[in-house]
Amino acid sequence: RRFLSLLALSAGATAAVSLAVGLALGADLDRAVSVGFYILGSFLLVAGFFVGNRGPARLKAGGDAEMGGAGGLFGVGIGSRKLRWATPAEREEALSSSAVFVALGFLLIVIGVLADSRVDLL
């Protein structure tokens, strides 16, 4: 039920923003809406991939703030050894969030295909 309301909210907001952008650019409105669904769906698929593939190491409370922010290249370097392993609950939450992002992204792309006037489904 929460997922369906999230899908409806995402689809409605995407359609509204896509229509506004399509009107502002003078584009075909059907195409603008379908491209909007494609863009948001693709973004959510990629975001779900990266959220789900986050490593098991996490910063300890305080993190870089105690080190003066001198973490080196990409936050790894001298003095940045304040790491801990993620708890099972944190790993489960990351996988659950990833699943929501991927499912929502996939469904938005499907809605985009259904809204695209260039695609003949039957």
PDB file of N, CA and C in Angstrom:
ATOM      1  N   ARG A   1       0.828  -1.196   0.000  1.00  0.00           N
ATOM      2  CA  ARG A   1       0.000   0.000   0.000  1.00  0.00           C
ATOM      3  C   ARG A   1       0.868   1.254   0.000  1.00  0.00           C
ATOM      4  N   ARG A   2       1.918   1.267   0.838  1.00  0.00           N
ATOM      5  CA  ARG A   2       2.834   2.413   0.843  1.00  0.00           C
ATOM      6  C   ARG A   2       3.572   2.526  -0.478  1.00  0.00           C
ATOM      7  N   PHE A   3       3.947   1.366  -1.040  1.00  0.00           N
ATOM      8  CA  PHE A   3       4.661   1.389  -2.306  1.00  0.00           C
ATOM      9  C   PHE A   3       3.784   1.953  -3.416  1.00  0.00           C
ATOM     10  N   LEU A   4       2.504   1.569  -3.439  1.00  0.00           N
ATOM     11  CA  LEU A   4       1.600   2.083  -4.468  1.00  0.00           C
ATOM     12  C   LEU A   4       1.385   3.583  -4.326  1.00  0.00           C
ATOM     13  N   SER A   5       1.307   4.076  -3.086  1.00  0.00           N
ATOM     14  CA  SER A   5       1.168   5.522  -2.909  1.00  0.00           C
ATOM     15  C   SER A   5       2.447   6.241  -3.325  1.00  0.00           C
ATOM     16  N   LEU A   6       3.606   5.634  -3.058  1.00  0.00           N
ATOM     17  CA  LEU A   6       4.871   6.213  -3.509  1.00  0.00           C
ATOM     18  C   LEU A   6       4.949   6.223  -5.029  1.00  0.00           C
ATOM     19  N   LEU A   7       4.491   5.148  -5.666  1.00  0.00           N
ATOM     20  CA  LEU A   7       4.466   5.078  -7.127  1.00  0.00           C
ATOM     21  C   LEU A   7       3.527   6.129  -7.705  1.00  0.00           C
ATOM     22  N   ALA A   8       2.341   6.277  -7.113  1.00  0.00           N
ATOM     23  CA  ALA A   8       1.382   7.269  -7.600  1.00  0.00           C
ATOM     24  C   ALA A   8       1.923   8.684  -7.432  1.00  0.00           C
ATOM     25  N   LEU A   9       2.542   8.956  -6.294  1.00  0.00           N
ATOM     26  CA  LEU A   9       3.115  10.278  -6.061  1.00  0.00           C
ATOM     27  C   LEU A   9       4.248  10.564  -7.041  1.00  0.00           C
ATOM     28  N   SER A  10       5.118   9.587  -7.243  1.00  0.00           N
ATOM     29  CA  SER A  10       6.236   9.765  -8.176  1.00  0.00           C
ATOM     30  C   SER A  10       5.740   9.952  -9.604  1.00  0.00           C
ATOM     31  N   ALA A  11       4.769   9.146 -10.002  1.00  0.00           N
ATOM     32  CA  ALA A  11       4.239   9.249 -11.360  1.00  0.00           C
ATOM     33  C   ALA A  11       3.525  10.580 -11.572  1.00  0.00           C
ATOM     34  N   GLY A  12       2.743  11.004 -10.588  1.00  0.00           N
ATOM     35  CA  GLY A  12       2.044  12.284 -10.715  1.00  0.00           C
ATOM     36  C   GLY A  12       2.987  13.467 -10.775  1.00  0.00           C
ATOM     37  N   ALA A  13       3.985  13.470  -9.900  1.00  0.00           N
ATOM     38  CA  ALA A  13       4.953  14.571  -9.900  1.00  0.00           C
ATOM     39  C   ALA A  13       5.769  14.577 -11.182  1.00  0.00           C
ATOM     40  N   THR A  14       6.154  13.398 -11.654  1.00  0.00           N
ATOM     41  CA  THR A  14       6.921  13.315 -12.896  1.00  0.00           C
ATOM     42  C   THR A  14       6.099  13.809 -14.074  1.00  0.00           C
ATOM     43  N   ALA A  15       4.841  13.412 -14.142  1.00  0.00           N
ATOM     44  CA  ALA A  15       3.977  13.862 -15.231  1.00  0.00           C
ATOM     45  C   ALA A  15       3.787  15.372 -15.188  1.00  0.00           C
ATOM     46  N   ALA A  16       3.579  15.928 -13.997  1.00  0.00           N
ATOM     47  CA  ALA A  16       3.369  17.371 -13.879  1.00  0.00           C
ATOM     48  C   ALA A  16       4.610  18.157 -14.294  1.00  0.00           C
ATOM     49  N   VAL A  17       5.769  17.743 -13.805  1.00  0.00           N
ATOM     50  CA  VAL A  17       7.009  18.444 -14.159  1.00  0.00           C
ATOM     51  C   VAL A  17       7.304  18.273 -15.646  1.00  0.00           C
ATOM     52  N   SER A  18       7.080  17.076 -16.174  1.00  0.00           N
ATOM     53  CA  SER A  18       7.336  16.830 -17.596  1.00  0.00           C
ATOM     54  C   SER A  18       6.410  17.658 -18.477  1.00  0.00           C
ATOM     55  N   LEU A  19       5.152  17.772 -18.085  1.00  0.00           N
ATOM     56  CA  LEU A  19       4.224  18.615 -18.844  1.00  0.00           C
ATOM     57  C   LEU A  19       4.653  20.074 -18.820  1.00  0.00           C
ATOM     58  N   ALA A  20       5.079  20.552 -17.657  1.00  0.00           N
ATOM     59  CA  ALA A  20       5.526  21.943 -17.552  1.00  0.00           C
ATOM     60  C   ALA A  20       6.758  22.196 -18.414  1.00  0.00           C
ATOM     61  N   VAL A  21       7.711  21.280 -18.375  1.00  0.00           N
ATOM     62  CA  VAL A  21       8.921  21.440 -19.191  1.00  0.00           C
ATOM     63  C   VAL A  21       8.571  21.328 -20.671  1.00  0.00           C
ATOM     64  N   GLY A  22       7.694  20.390 -21.018  1.00  0.00           N
ATOM     65  CA  GLY A  22       7.275  20.241 -22.410  1.00  0.00           C
ATOM     66  C   GLY A  22       6.574  21.477 -22.937  1.00  0.00           C
ATOM     67  N   LEU A  23       5.710  22.072 -22.119  1.00  0.00           N
ATOM     68  CA  LEU A  23       5.043  23.312 -22.530  1.00  0.00           C
ATOM     69  C   LEU A  23       6.033  24.458 -22.676  1.00  0.00           C
ATOM     70  N   ALA A  24       6.978  24.546 -21.743  1.00  0.00           N
ATOM     71  CA  ALA A  24       7.964  25.628 -21.793  1.00  0.00           C
ATOM     72  C   ALA A  24       8.862  25.516 -23.019  1.00  0.00           C
ATOM     73  N   LEU A  25       9.163  24.294 -23.434  1.00  0.00           N
ATOM     74  CA  LEU A  25      10.047  24.096 -24.583  1.00  0.00           C
ATOM     75  C   LEU A  25       9.287  23.959 -25.893  1.00  0.00           C
ATOM     76  N   GLY A  26       7.971  23.905 -25.829  1.00  0.00           N
ATOM     77  CA  GLY A  26       7.165  23.765 -27.032  1.00  0.00           C
ATOM     78  C   GLY A  26       7.259  22.380 -27.650  1.00  0.00           C
ATOM     79  N   ALA A  27       7.508  21.378 -26.844  1.00  0.00           N
ATOM     80  CA  ALA A  27       7.656  20.009 -27.337  1.00  0.00           C
ATOM     81  C   ALA A  27       6.307  19.298 -27.345  1.00  0.00           C
ATOM     82  N   ASP A  28       6.266  18.153 -28.004  1.00  0.00           N
ATOM     83  CA  ASP A  28       5.088  17.301 -27.995  1.00  0.00           C
ATOM     84  C   ASP A  28       4.867  16.808 -26.563  1.00  0.00           C
ATOM     85  N   LEU A  29       3.675  17.009 -26.030  1.00  0.00           N
ATOM     86  CA  LEU A  29       3.433  16.713 -24.620  1.00  0.00           C
ATOM     87  C   LEU A  29       3.490  15.219 -24.309  1.00  0.00           C
ATOM     88  N   ASP A  30       3.004  14.381 -25.224  1.00  0.00           N
ATOM     89  CA  ASP A  30       3.108  12.930 -24.993  1.00  0.00           C
ATOM     90  C   ASP A  30       4.566  12.506 -24.885  1.00  0.00           C
ATOM     91  N   ARG A  31       5.365  13.042 -25.774  1.00  0.00           N
ATOM     92  CA  ARG A  31       6.792  12.690 -25.767  1.00  0.00           C
ATOM     93  C   ARG A  31       7.479  13.244 -24.524  1.00  0.00           C
ATOM     94  N   ALA A  32       7.125  14.461 -24.106  1.00  0.00           N
ATOM     95  CA  ALA A  32       7.737  15.061 -22.918  1.00  0.00           C
ATOM     96  C   ALA A  32       7.442  14.226 -21.671  1.00  0.00           C
ATOM     97  N   VAL A  33       6.212  13.751 -21.550  1.00  0.00           N
ATOM     98  CA  VAL A  33       5.839  12.939 -20.386  1.00  0.00           C
ATOM     99  C   VAL A  33       6.584  11.607 -20.403  1.00  0.00           C
ATOM    100  N   SER A  34       6.645  10.966 -21.556  1.00  0.00           N
ATOM    101  CA  SER A  34       7.331   9.670 -21.613  1.00  0.00           C
ATOM    102  C   SER A  34       8.821   9.820 -21.334  1.00  0.00           C
ATOM    103  N   VAL A  35       9.444  10.871 -21.849  1.00  0.00           N
ATOM    104  CA  VAL A  35      10.871  11.094 -21.577  1.00  0.00           C
ATOM    105  C   VAL A  35      11.093  11.400 -20.096  1.00  0.00           C
ATOM    106  N   GLY A  36      10.182  12.121 -19.474  1.00  0.00           N
ATOM    107  CA  GLY A  36      10.282  12.382 -18.041  1.00  0.00           C
ATOM    108  C   GLY A  36      10.255  11.095 -17.227  1.00  0.00           C
ATOM    109  N   PHE A  37       9.363  10.174 -17.600  1.00  0.00           N
ATOM    110  CA  PHE A  37       9.320   8.874 -16.917  1.00  0.00           C
ATOM    111  C   PHE A  37      10.597   8.079 -17.162  1.00  0.00           C
ATOM    112  N   TYR A  38      11.111   8.133 -18.397  1.00  0.00           N
ATOM    113  CA  TYR A  38      12.362   7.428 -18.702  1.00  0.00           C
ATOM    114  C   TYR A  38      13.513   7.970 -17.862  1.00  0.00           C
ATOM    115  N   ILE A  39      13.608   9.287 -17.763  1.00  0.00           N
ATOM    116  CA  ILE A  39      14.726   9.907 -17.033  1.00  0.00           C
ATOM    117  C   ILE A  39      14.664   9.552 -15.551  1.00  0.00           C
ATOM    118  N   LEU A  40      13.507   9.748 -14.926  1.00  0.00           N
ATOM    119  CA  LEU A  40      13.404   9.453 -13.493  1.00  0.00           C
ATOM    120  C   LEU A  40      13.557   7.954 -13.225  1.00  0.00           C
ATOM    121  N   GLY A  41      12.969   7.121 -14.066  1.00  0.00           N
ATOM    122  CA  GLY A  41      13.106   5.681 -13.885  1.00  0.00           C
ATOM    123  C   GLY A  41      14.546   5.224 -14.002  1.00  0.00           C
ATOM    124  N   SER A  42      15.264   5.759 -14.981  1.00  0.00           N
ATOM    125  CA  SER A  42      16.674   5.397 -15.147  1.00  0.00           C
ATOM    126  C   SER A  42      17.503   5.868 -13.966  1.00  0.00           C
ATOM    127  N   PHE A  43      17.227   7.076 -13.489  1.00  0.00           N
ATOM    128  CA  PHE A  43      17.951   7.591 -12.329  1.00  0.00           C
ATOM    129  C   PHE A  43      17.728   6.700 -11.110  1.00  0.00           C
ATOM    130  N   LEU A  44      16.491   6.281 -10.891  1.00  0.00           N
ATOM    131  CA  LEU A  44      16.196   5.436  -9.731  1.00  0.00           C
ATOM    132  C   LEU A  44      16.830   4.052  -9.857  1.00  0.00           C
ATOM    133  N   LEU A  45      16.905   3.520 -11.074  1.00  0.00           N
ATOM    134  CA  LEU A  45      17.587   2.236 -11.264  1.00  0.00           C
ATOM    135  C   LEU A  45      19.062   2.344 -10.902  1.00  0.00           C
ATOM    136  N   VAL A  46      19.714   3.406 -11.369  1.00  0.00           N
ATOM    137  CA  VAL A  46      21.138   3.598 -11.063  1.00  0.00           C
ATOM    138  C   VAL A  46      21.327   3.858  -9.570  1.00  0.00           C
ATOM    139  N   ALA A  47      20.456   4.668  -8.980  1.00  0.00           N
ATOM    140  CA  ALA A  47      20.555   4.939  -7.542  1.00  0.00           C
ATOM    141  C   ALA A  47      20.367   3.655  -6.739  1.00  0.00           C
ATOM    142  N   GLY A  48      19.433   2.818  -7.142  1.00  0.00           N
ATOM    143  CA  GLY A  48      19.223   1.551  -6.457  1.00  0.00           C
ATOM    144  C   GLY A  48      20.431   0.641  -6.550  1.00  0.00           C
ATOM    145  N   PHE A  49      21.097   0.662  -7.690  1.00  0.00           N
ATOM    146  CA  PHE A  49      22.313  -0.139  -7.845  1.00  0.00           C
ATOM    147  C   PHE A  49      23.385   0.317  -6.868  1.00  0.00           C
ATOM    148  N   PHE A  50      23.612   1.624  -6.790  1.00  0.00           N
ATOM    149  CA  PHE A  50      24.673   2.117  -5.924  1.00  0.00           C
ATOM    150  C   PHE A  50      24.323   2.004  -4.442  1.00  0.00           C
ATOM    151  N   VAL A  51      23.068   2.181  -4.086  1.00  0.00           N
ATOM    152  CA  VAL A  51      22.667   2.013  -2.683  1.00  0.00           C
ATOM    153  C   VAL A  51      22.843   0.558  -2.260  1.00  0.00           C
ATOM    154  N   GLY A  52      22.503  -0.367  -3.141  1.00  0.00           N
ATOM    155  CA  GLY A  52      22.621  -1.781  -2.816  1.00  0.00           C
ATOM    156  C   GLY A  52      24.045  -2.294  -2.797  1.00  0.00           C
ATOM    157  N   ASN A  53      24.943  -1.623  -3.490  1.00  0.00           N
ATOM    158  CA  ASN A  53      26.334  -2.075  -3.564  1.00  0.00           C
ATOM    159  C   ASN A  53      27.254  -1.312  -2.632  1.00  0.00           C
ATOM    160  N   ARG A  54      26.703  -0.655  -1.661  1.00  0.00           N
ATOM    161  CA  ARG A  54      27.532   0.045  -0.686  1.00  0.00           C
ATOM    162  C   ARG A  54      28.306  -0.981   0.128  1.00  0.00           C
ATOM    163  N   GLY A  55      29.543  -0.701   0.369  1.00  0.00           N
ATOM    164  CA  GLY A  55      30.401  -1.636   1.089  1.00  0.00           C
ATOM    165  C   GLY A  55      30.001  -1.804   2.538  1.00  0.00           C
ATOM    166  N   PRO A  56      30.626  -2.765   3.225  1.00  0.00           N
ATOM    167  CA  PRO A  56      30.256  -3.054   4.608  1.00  0.00           C
ATOM    168  C   PRO A  56      30.869  -2.094   5.624  1.00  0.00           C
ATOM    169  N   ALA A  57      31.797  -1.240   5.220  1.00  0.00           N
ATOM    170  CA  ALA A  57      32.458  -0.326   6.158  1.00  0.00           C
ATOM    171  C   ALA A  57      31.668   0.974   6.275  1.00  0.00           C
ATOM    172  N   ARG A  58      31.558   1.477   7.488  1.00  0.00           N
ATOM    173  CA  ARG A  58      30.877   2.747   7.768  1.00  0.00           C
ATOM    174  C   ARG A  58      31.798   3.598   8.623  1.00  0.00           C
ATOM    175  N   LEU A  59      31.617   4.916   8.559  1.00  0.00           N
ATOM    176  CA  LEU A  59      32.367   5.803   9.441  1.00  0.00           C
ATOM    177  C   LEU A  59      31.830   5.689  10.854  1.00  0.00           C
ATOM    178  N   LYS A  60      32.725   5.732  11.820  1.00  0.00           N
ATOM    179  CA  LYS A  60      32.289   5.764  13.211  1.00  0.00           C
ATOM    180  C   LYS A  60      31.682   7.123  13.500  1.00  0.00           C
ATOM    181  N   ALA A  61      30.912   7.217  14.565  1.00  0.00           N
ATOM    182  CA  ALA A  61      30.318   8.491  14.968  1.00  0.00           C
ATOM    183  C   ALA A  61      31.426   9.507  15.169  1.00  0.00           C
ATOM    184  N   GLY A  62      31.259  10.685  14.614  1.00  0.00           N
ATOM    185  CA  GLY A  62      32.303  11.715  14.685  1.00  0.00           C
ATOM    186  C   GLY A  62      33.078  11.780  13.390  1.00  0.00           C
ATOM    187  N   GLY A  63      33.415  10.648  12.814  1.00  0.00           N
ATOM    188  CA  GLY A  63      34.040  10.539  11.506  1.00  0.00           C
ATOM    189  C   GLY A  63      35.167  11.510  11.259  1.00  0.00           C
ATOM    190  N   ASP A  64      35.085  12.256  10.155  1.00  0.00           N
ATOM    191  CA  ASP A  64      36.125  13.196   9.751  1.00  0.00           C
ATOM    192  C   ASP A  64      36.126  14.472  10.574  1.00  0.00           C
ATOM    193  N   ALA A  65      35.061  14.740  11.298  1.00  0.00           N
ATOM    194  CA  ALA A  65      34.988  15.993  12.049  1.00  0.00           C
ATOM    195  C   ALA A  65      36.098  16.088  13.083  1.00  0.00           C
ATOM    196  N   GLU A  66      36.469  14.962  13.692  1.00  0.00           N
ATOM    197  CA  GLU A  66      37.518  14.979  14.703  1.00  0.00           C
ATOM    198  C   GLU A  66      38.908  15.088  14.088  1.00  0.00           C
ATOM    199  N   MET A  67      39.021  14.778  12.802  1.00  0.00           N
ATOM    200  CA  MET A  67      40.322  14.791  12.146  1.00  0.00           C
ATOM    201  C   MET A  67      40.574  16.090  11.405  1.00  0.00           C
ATOM    202  N   GLY A  68      39.680  17.019  11.508  1.00  0.00           N
ATOM    203  CA  GLY A  68      39.867  18.282  10.819  1.00  0.00           C
ATOM    204  C   GLY A  68      39.580  18.202   9.332  1.00  0.00           C
ATOM    205  N   GLY A  69      38.954  17.154   8.873  1.00  0.00           N
ATOM    206  CA  GLY A  69      38.575  17.039   7.476  1.00  0.00           C
ATOM    207  C   GLY A  69      39.713  16.683   6.549  1.00  0.00           C
ATOM    208  N   ALA A  70      40.879  16.294   7.061  1.00  0.00           N
ATOM    209  CA  ALA A  70      42.013  15.953   6.208  1.00  0.00           C
ATOM    210  C   ALA A  70      42.027  14.455   5.971  1.00  0.00           C
ATOM    211  N   GLY A  71      41.126  14.001   5.161  1.00  0.00           N
ATOM    212  CA  GLY A  71      41.019  12.571   4.920  1.00  0.00           C
ATOM    213  C   GLY A  71      41.850  12.082   3.767  1.00  0.00           C
ATOM    214  N   GLY A  72      42.421  12.959   2.982  1.00  0.00           N
ATOM    215  CA  GLY A  72      43.196  12.545   1.829  1.00  0.00           C
ATOM    216  C   GLY A  72      42.312  12.369   0.609  1.00  0.00           C
ATOM    217  N   LEU A  73      42.855  11.733  -0.398  1.00  0.00           N
ATOM    218  CA  LEU A  73      42.148  11.524  -1.649  1.00  0.00           C
ATOM    219  C   LEU A  73      40.963  10.592  -1.439  1.00  0.00           C
ATOM    220  N   PHE A  74      39.768  11.021  -1.840  1.00  0.00           N
ATOM    221  CA  PHE A  74      38.528  10.269  -1.708  1.00  0.00           C
ATOM    222  C   PHE A  74      38.219   9.901  -0.264  1.00  0.00           C
ATOM    223  N   GLY A  75      38.683  10.684   0.687  1.00  0.00           N
ATOM    224  CA  GLY A  75      38.392  10.429   2.091  1.00  0.00           C
ATOM    225  C   GLY A  75      39.204   9.303   2.690  1.00  0.00           C
ATOM    226  N   VAL A  76      40.190   8.813   1.971  1.00  0.00           N
ATOM    227  CA  VAL A  76      41.033   7.729   2.474  1.00  0.00           C
ATOM    228  C   VAL A  76      42.447   8.259   2.582  1.00  0.00           C
ATOM    229  N   GLY A  77      43.043   8.085   3.710  1.00  0.00           N
ATOM    230  CA  GLY A  77      44.413   8.551   3.859  1.00  0.00           C
ATOM    231  C   GLY A  77      44.829   8.554   5.308  1.00  0.00           C
ATOM    232  N   ILE A  78      45.782   9.398   5.617  1.00  0.00           N
ATOM    233  CA  ILE A  78      46.350   9.454   6.960  1.00  0.00           C
ATOM    234  C   ILE A  78      45.283   9.903   7.945  1.00  0.00           C
ATOM    235  N   GLY A  79      45.114   9.156   8.991  1.00  0.00           N
ATOM    236  CA  GLY A  79      44.202   9.546  10.061  1.00  0.00           C
ATOM    237  C   GLY A  79      42.748   9.199   9.819  1.00  0.00           C
ATOM    238  N   SER A  80      42.417   8.579   8.708  1.00  0.00           N
ATOM    239  CA  SER A  80      41.004   8.294   8.444  1.00  0.00           C
ATOM    240  C   SER A  80      40.666   6.830   8.732  1.00  0.00           C
ATOM    241  N   ARG A  81      41.210   6.274   9.768  1.00  0.00           N
ATOM    242  CA  ARG A  81      41.007   4.869  10.100  1.00  0.00           C
ATOM    243  C   ARG A  81      39.849   4.674  11.086  1.00  0.00           C
ATOM    244  N   LYS A  82      38.927   5.589  11.150  1.00  0.00           N
ATOM    245  CA  LYS A  82      37.822   5.496  12.098  1.00  0.00           C
ATOM    246  C   LYS A  82      36.626   4.840  11.417  1.00  0.00           C
ATOM    247  N   LEU A  83      36.816   3.572  11.056  1.00  0.00           N
ATOM    248  CA  LEU A  83      35.766   2.825  10.380  1.00  0.00           C
ATOM    249  C   LEU A  83      35.238   1.726  11.288  1.00  0.00           C
ATOM    250  N   ARG A  84      34.029   1.303  11.004  1.00  0.00           N
ATOM    251  CA  ARG A  84      33.416   0.187  11.707  1.00  0.00           C
ATOM    252  C   ARG A  84      32.662  -0.629  10.665  1.00  0.00           C
ATOM    253  N   TRP A  85      32.331  -1.841  11.024  1.00  0.00           N
ATOM    254  CA  TRP A  85      31.550  -2.684  10.126  1.00  0.00           C
ATOM    255  C   TRP A  85      30.072  -2.373  10.299  1.00  0.00           C
ATOM    256  N   ALA A  86      29.336  -2.421   9.223  1.00  0.00           N
ATOM    257  CA  ALA A  86      27.898  -2.171   9.267  1.00  0.00           C
ATOM    258  C   ALA A  86      27.199  -3.294  10.030  1.00  0.00           C
ATOM    259  N   THR A  87      26.182  -2.912  10.750  1.00  0.00           N
ATOM    260  CA  THR A  87      25.391  -3.905  11.476  1.00  0.00           C
ATOM    261  C   THR A  87      24.496  -4.653  10.480  1.00  0.00           C
ATOM    262  N   PRO A  88      24.016  -5.823  10.859  1.00  0.00           N
ATOM    263  CA  PRO A  88      23.084  -6.539   9.968  1.00  0.00           C
ATOM    264  C   PRO A  88      21.844  -5.708   9.633  1.00  0.00           C
ATOM    265  N   ALA A  89      21.376  -4.908  10.574  1.00  0.00           N
ATOM    266  CA  ALA A  89      20.207  -4.059  10.305  1.00  0.00           C
ATOM    267  C   ALA A  89      20.528  -3.005   9.250  1.00  0.00           C
ATOM    268  N   GLU A  90      21.736  -2.442   9.293  1.00  0.00           N
ATOM    269  CA  GLU A  90      22.130  -1.448   8.292  1.00  0.00           C
ATOM    270  C   GLU A  90      22.259  -2.081   6.911  1.00  0.00           C
ATOM    271  N   ARG A  91      22.800  -3.282   6.857  1.00  0.00           N
ATOM    272  CA  ARG A  91      22.923  -3.970   5.566  1.00  0.00           C
ATOM    273  C   ARG A  91      21.547  -4.332   5.010  1.00  0.00           C
ATOM    274  N   GLU A  92      20.647  -4.777   5.880  1.00  0.00           N
ATOM    275  CA  GLU A  92      19.291  -5.113   5.442  1.00  0.00           C
ATOM    276  C   GLU A  92      18.553  -3.869   4.952  1.00  0.00           C
ATOM    277  N   GLU A  93      18.732  -2.755   5.649  1.00  0.00           N
ATOM    278  CA  GLU A  93      18.089  -1.504   5.235  1.00  0.00           C
ATOM    279  C   GLU A  93      18.613  -1.039   3.884  1.00  0.00           C
ATOM    280  N   ALA A  94      19.912  -1.201   3.636  1.00  0.00           N
ATOM    281  CA  ALA A  94      20.487  -0.811   2.349  1.00  0.00           C
ATOM    282  C   ALA A  94      19.911  -1.668   1.221  1.00  0.00           C
ATOM    283  N   LEU A  95      19.780  -2.966   1.448  1.00  0.00           N
ATOM    284  CA  LEU A  95      19.211  -3.838   0.418  1.00  0.00           C
ATOM    285  C   LEU A  95      17.726  -3.554   0.198  1.00  0.00           C
ATOM    286  N   SER A  96      17.002  -3.257   1.267  1.00  0.00           N
ATOM    287  CA  SER A  96      15.579  -2.939   1.132  1.00  0.00           C
ATOM    288  C   SER A  96      15.384  -1.637   0.364  1.00  0.00           C
ATOM    289  N   SER A  97      16.193  -0.633   0.684  1.00  0.00           N
ATOM    290  CA  SER A  97      16.114   0.639  -0.038  1.00  0.00           C
ATOM    291  C   SER A  97      16.455   0.444  -1.507  1.00  0.00           C
ATOM    292  N   SER A  98      17.464  -0.367  -1.760  1.00  0.00           N
ATOM    293  CA  SER A  98      17.853  -0.658  -3.135  1.00  0.00           C
ATOM    294  C   SER A  98      16.707  -1.312  -3.895  1.00  0.00           C
ATOM    295  N   ALA A  99      16.031  -2.255  -3.267  1.00  0.00           N
ATOM    296  CA  ALA A  99      14.912  -2.940  -3.920  1.00  0.00           C
ATOM    297  C   ALA A  99      13.778  -1.972  -4.238  1.00  0.00           C
ATOM    298  N   VAL A 100      13.507  -1.045  -3.338  1.00  0.00           N
ATOM    299  CA  VAL A 100      12.451  -0.059  -3.579  1.00  0.00           C
ATOM    300  C   VAL A 100      12.836   0.842  -4.748  1.00  0.00           C
ATOM    301  N   PHE A 101      14.082   1.326  -4.768  1.00  0.00           N
ATOM    302  CA  PHE A 101      14.533   2.193  -5.862  1.00  0.00           C
ATOM    303  C   PHE A 101      14.464   1.473  -7.207  1.00  0.00           C
ATOM    304  N   VAL A 102      14.936   0.239  -7.246  1.00  0.00           N
ATOM    305  CA  VAL A 102      14.953  -0.507  -8.508  1.00  0.00           C
ATOM    306  C   VAL A 102      13.531  -0.804  -8.981  1.00  0.00           C
ATOM    307  N   ALA A 103      12.665  -1.249  -8.092  1.00  0.00           N
ATOM    308  CA  ALA A 103      11.286  -1.554  -8.478  1.00  0.00           C
ATOM    309  C   ALA A 103      10.551  -0.302  -8.938  1.00  0.00           C
ATOM    310  N   LEU A 104      10.722   0.790  -8.214  1.00  0.00           N
ATOM    311  CA  LEU A 104      10.072   2.040  -8.593  1.00  0.00           C
ATOM    312  C   LEU A 104      10.603   2.542  -9.932  1.00  0.00           C
ATOM    313  N   GLY A 105      11.908   2.478 -10.119  1.00  0.00           N
ATOM    314  CA  GLY A 105      12.497   2.900 -11.389  1.00  0.00           C
ATOM    315  C   GLY A 105      12.003   2.068 -12.550  1.00  0.00           C
ATOM    316  N   PHE A 106      11.951   0.750 -12.365  1.00  0.00           N
ATOM    317  CA  PHE A 106      11.472  -0.132 -13.429  1.00  0.00           C
ATOM    318  C   PHE A 106      10.021   0.181 -13.785  1.00  0.00           C
ATOM    319  N   LEU A 107       9.180   0.362 -12.780  1.00  0.00           N
ATOM    320  CA  LEU A 107       7.766   0.652 -13.048  1.00  0.00           C
ATOM    321  C   LEU A 107       7.580   2.014 -13.714  1.00  0.00           C
ATOM    322  N   LEU A 108       8.401   2.998 -13.359  1.00  0.00           N
ATOM    323  CA  LEU A 108       8.300   4.300 -14.027  1.00  0.00           C
ATOM    324  C   LEU A 108       8.719   4.194 -15.491  1.00  0.00           C
ATOM    325  N   ILE A 109       9.703   3.363 -15.786  1.00  0.00           N
ATOM    326  CA  ILE A 109      10.085   3.157 -17.184  1.00  0.00           C
ATOM    327  C   ILE A 109       8.953   2.458 -17.940  1.00  0.00           C
ATOM    328  N   VAL A 110       8.296   1.497 -17.304  1.00  0.00           N
ATOM    329  CA  VAL A 110       7.150   0.828 -17.936  1.00  0.00           C
ATOM    330  C   VAL A 110       6.033   1.836 -18.198  1.00  0.00           C
ATOM    331  N   ILE A 111       5.767   2.718 -17.249  1.00  0.00           N
ATOM    332  CA  ILE A 111       4.755   3.763 -17.452  1.00  0.00           C
ATOM    333  C   ILE A 111       5.173   4.673 -18.599  1.00  0.00           C
ATOM    334  N   GLY A 112       6.467   4.976 -18.683  1.00  0.00           N
ATOM    335  CA  GLY A 112       6.963   5.784 -19.796  1.00  0.00           C
ATOM    336  C   GLY A 112       6.747   5.111 -21.136  1.00  0.00           C
ATOM    337  N   VAL A 113       6.957   3.804 -21.200  1.00  0.00           N
ATOM    338  CA  VAL A 113       6.713   3.066 -22.448  1.00  0.00           C
ATOM    339  C   VAL A 113       5.227   3.108 -22.794  1.00  0.00           C
ATOM    340  N   LEU A 114       4.374   2.942 -21.791  1.00  0.00           N
ATOM    341  CA  LEU A 114       2.928   2.997 -22.038  1.00  0.00           C
ATOM    342  C   LEU A 114       2.480   4.386 -22.486  1.00  0.00           C
ATOM    343  N   ALA A 115       3.151   5.427 -21.995  1.00  0.00           N
ATOM    344  CA  ALA A 115       2.774   6.795 -22.352  1.00  0.00           C
ATOM    345  C   ALA A 115       3.395   7.248 -23.667  1.00  0.00           C
ATOM    346  N   ASP A 116       4.388   6.523 -24.156  1.00  0.00           N
ATOM    347  CA  ASP A 116       5.100   6.929 -25.370  1.00  0.00           C
ATOM    348  C   ASP A 116       4.244   6.629 -26.595  1.00  0.00           C
ATOM    349  N   SER A 117       3.936   7.665 -27.361  1.00  0.00           N
ATOM    350  CA  SER A 117       3.093   7.495 -28.540  1.00  0.00           C
ATOM    351  C   SER A 117       3.852   6.856 -29.700  1.00  0.00           C
ATOM    352  N   ARG A 118       5.170   6.792 -29.619  1.00  0.00           N
ATOM    353  CA  ARG A 118       5.962   6.189 -30.698  1.00  0.00           C
ATOM    354  C   ARG A 118       6.016   4.674 -30.596  1.00  0.00           C
ATOM    355  N   VAL A 119       5.602   4.111 -29.461  1.00  0.00           N
ATOM    356  CA  VAL A 119       5.672   2.666 -29.248  1.00  0.00           C
ATOM    357  C   VAL A 119       4.284   2.063 -29.450  1.00  0.00           C
ATOM    358  N   ASP A 120       4.196   1.104 -30.377  1.00  0.00           N
ATOM    359  CA  ASP A 120       2.944   0.370 -30.587  1.00  0.00           C
ATOM    360  C   ASP A 120       3.037  -0.951 -29.840  1.00  0.00           C
ATOM    361  N   LEU A 121       2.249  -1.083 -28.788  1.00  0.00           N
ATOM    362  CA  LEU A 121       2.322  -2.291 -27.975  1.00  0.00           C
ATOM    363  C   LEU A 121       1.477  -3.426 -28.537  1.00  0.00           C
ATOM    364  N   LEU A 122       0.397  -3.119 -29.204  1.00  0.00           N
ATOM    365  CA  LEU A 122      -0.466  -4.175 -29.750  1.00  0.00           C
ATOM    366  C   LEU A 122      -0.658  -4.002 -31.226  1.00  0.00           C
TER     367      LEU A 122
END
